[in-house]
Amino acid sequence: MSEEDKEAIEYLEDSFKNTVTHKEKFNIIKNLIKSQQEEIEKNKKLINNKNERLLEYAKDIAKKDKIIDEISDFMISLNIDNTICKKSNCTSNLINNTLVRDCKNCIKQYFEKKVGESNEN
């Protein structure tokens, strides 16, 4: 065998050692896909957890709105609505040719302004 032949055989052996087989390529791709699927599942769980928290916040807000409505109704029954209406400069509605104040909204506006003022300070 000539020196050239030996070099050629050596070159081919080295190149075969560094060659990745089709099965190895398939396994690499399969593992990449598996890791991506695991990442997707992890993200789905995070999204579901955040959605559940948002629903809870929405329920809390709805509950607080109901509490505010009940407090407003109670304040109206105490006849303190005129004082609040004067301070909040709320509007009145004309119903059946009678001027009627929207007391619930006046009360809410009054306290929204109070909260706004306290946030500014």
Foldseek 3Di string as FASTA:
>chain_A
DDPVVVVVVVVVVVVVVPDDDPVNVVVVVVVVVVVVVVVVVVVVVVVVVVVVVVVVVVVVVVVVVVVLQVVQVVVVVVVCLVVLCVVLVAAWDQDPNDTGRPSSVSVVSSVVVVVVVVVVD
